[in-house]
């Protein structure tokens, strides 16, 4: 995957929640719009925070020190 394709994919991922929000504003009534706002906020948090949490988890797993066994001593 080229850098250009990665950039387009990232921009698309960031625009999806805003597109859903705009569609919800056009269609839904105000009470359900508040629920839609919460869903969009959650989606934005997941899109932004998720990759960082995954990267930190992978870093933690990769840098664990192995427990020495009898063979290693």
C-alpha atoms as a PDB file:
ATOM      1  CA  UNK A   1       0.000   0.000   0.000  1.00  0.00           C
ATOM      2  CA  UNK A   2       1.425   3.328  -1.016  1.00  0.00           C
ATOM      3  CA  UNK A   3       1.676   6.377   1.221  1.00  0.00           C
ATOM      4  CA  UNK A   4      -0.965   8.139  -0.849  1.00  0.00           C
ATOM      5  CA  UNK A   5      -3.415   5.275  -0.363  1.00  0.00           C
ATOM      6  CA  UNK A   6      -2.695   5.238   3.386  1.00  0.00           C
ATOM      7  CA  UNK A   7      -3.329   8.990   3.598  1.00  0.00           C
ATOM      8  CA  UNK A   8      -6.628   8.649   1.713  1.00  0.00           C
ATOM      9  CA  UNK A   9      -7.683   5.775   3.963  1.00  0.00           C
ATOM     10  CA  UNK A  10      -6.880   7.808   7.078  1.00  0.00           C
ATOM     11  CA  UNK A  11      -8.816  10.834   5.827  1.00  0.00           C
ATOM     12  CA  UNK A  12     -11.749   8.588   4.936  1.00  0.00           C
ATOM     13  CA  UNK A  13     -11.736   6.992   8.385  1.00  0.00           C
ATOM     14  CA  UNK A  14     -11.743  10.413  10.010  1.00  0.00           C
ATOM     15  CA  UNK A  15     -14.575  11.735   7.836  1.00  0.00           C
ATOM     16  CA  UNK A  16     -16.958   8.786   8.323  1.00  0.00           C
ATOM     17  CA  UNK A  17     -18.169   9.825  11.816  1.00  0.00           C
ATOM     18  CA  UNK A  18     -18.742  13.396  10.646  1.00  0.00           C
ATOM     19  CA  UNK A  19     -20.709  12.149   7.638  1.00  0.00           C
ATOM     20  CA  UNK A  20     -22.853   9.984   9.901  1.00  0.00           C
ATOM     21  CA  UNK A  21     -23.414  12.972  12.160  1.00  0.00           C
ATOM     22  CA  UNK A  22     -24.486  15.169   9.235  1.00  0.00           C
ATOM     23  CA  UNK A  23     -26.894  12.487   8.013  1.00  0.00           C
ATOM     24  CA  UNK A  24     -28.305  12.113  11.517  1.00  0.00           C
ATOM     25  CA  UNK A  25     -28.836  15.875  11.772  1.00  0.00           C
ATOM     26  CA  UNK A  26     -30.876  15.835   8.572  1.00  0.00           C
ATOM     27  CA  UNK A  27     -33.004  12.812   9.445  1.00  0.00           C
ATOM     28  CA  UNK A  28     -33.376  12.467  13.203  1.00  0.00           C
ATOM     29  CA  UNK A  29     -35.347  14.481  15.707  1.00  0.00           C
ATOM     30  CA  UNK A  30     -33.519  16.292  18.551  1.00  0.00           C
ATOM     31  CA  UNK A  31     -33.938  13.588  21.241  1.00  0.00           C
ATOM     32  CA  UNK A  32     -32.388  10.875  19.092  1.00  0.00           C
ATOM     33  CA  UNK A  33     -29.846  13.371  17.808  1.00  0.00           C
ATOM     34  CA  UNK A  34     -28.305  13.491  21.296  1.00  0.00           C
ATOM     35  CA  UNK A  35     -27.793   9.719  21.098  1.00  0.00           C
ATOM     36  CA  UNK A  36     -26.266  10.130  17.639  1.00  0.00           C
ATOM     37  CA  UNK A  37     -23.846  12.736  19.021  1.00  0.00           C
ATOM     38  CA  UNK A  38     -22.740  10.291  21.727  1.00  0.00           C
ATOM     39  CA  UNK A  39     -22.229   7.544  19.153  1.00  0.00           C
ATOM     40  CA  UNK A  40     -20.163   9.848  16.940  1.00  0.00           C
ATOM     41  CA  UNK A  41     -18.043  10.971  19.897  1.00  0.00           C
ATOM     42  CA  UNK A  42     -17.413   7.325  20.789  1.00  0.00           C
ATOM     43  CA  UNK A  43     -16.473   6.536  17.175  1.00  0.00           C
ATOM     44  CA  UNK A  44     -14.028   9.442  17.095  1.00  0.00           C
ATOM     45  CA  UNK A  45     -12.428   8.334  20.368  1.00  0.00           C
ATOM     46  CA  UNK A  46     -12.118   4.762  19.081  1.00  0.00           C
ATOM     47  CA  UNK A  47     -10.581   5.922  15.789  1.00  0.00           C
ATOM     48  CA  UNK A  48      -8.039   8.179  17.503  1.00  0.00           C
ATOM     49  CA  UNK A  49      -7.245   6.251  20.694  1.00  0.00           C
ATOM     50  CA  UNK A  50      -7.572   2.693  19.387  1.00  0.00           C
ATOM     51  CA  UNK A  51      -4.382   2.622  17.271  1.00  0.00           C
ATOM     52  CA  UNK A  52      -2.324   4.115  20.121  1.00  0.00           C
ATOM     53  CA  UNK A  53      -3.638   1.554  22.621  1.00  0.00           C
ATOM     54  CA  UNK A  54      -2.940  -1.253  20.150  1.00  0.00           C
ATOM     55  CA  UNK A  55       0.595   0.011  19.522  1.00  0.00           C
ATOM     56  CA  UNK A  56       1.311   0.284  23.255  1.00  0.00           C
ATOM     57  CA  UNK A  57      -0.031  -3.224  23.834  1.00  0.00           C
ATOM     58  CA  UNK A  58       2.149  -4.622  21.047  1.00  0.00           C
ATOM     59  CA  UNK A  59       5.179  -2.792  22.438  1.00  0.00           C
ATOM     60  CA  UNK A  60       4.485  -4.227  25.903  1.00  0.00           C
ATOM     61  CA  UNK A  61       4.081  -7.750  24.561  1.00  0.00           C
ATOM     62  CA  UNK A  62       7.222  -7.518  22.420  1.00  0.00           C
ATOM     63  CA  UNK A  63       9.426  -6.174  25.214  1.00  0.00           C
ATOM     64  CA  UNK A  64       8.461  -8.638  27.954  1.00  0.00           C
ATOM     65  CA  UNK A  65      11.482 -10.318  29.503  1.00  0.00           C
ATOM     66  CA  UNK A  66      11.267 -14.083  29.176  1.00  0.00           C
ATOM     67  CA  UNK A  67      11.269 -16.177  32.348  1.00  0.00           C
ATOM     68  CA  UNK A  68      14.503 -18.171  32.526  1.00  0.00           C
ATOM     69  CA  UNK A  69      14.129 -21.927  32.459  1.00  0.00           C
ATOM     70  CA  UNK A  70      16.443 -24.646  33.752  1.00  0.00           C
ATOM     71  CA  UNK A  71      17.985 -24.935  30.287  1.00  0.00           C
ATOM     72  CA  UNK A  72      18.959 -21.230  30.297  1.00  0.00           C
ATOM     73  CA  UNK A  73      20.793 -21.404  33.631  1.00  0.00           C
END
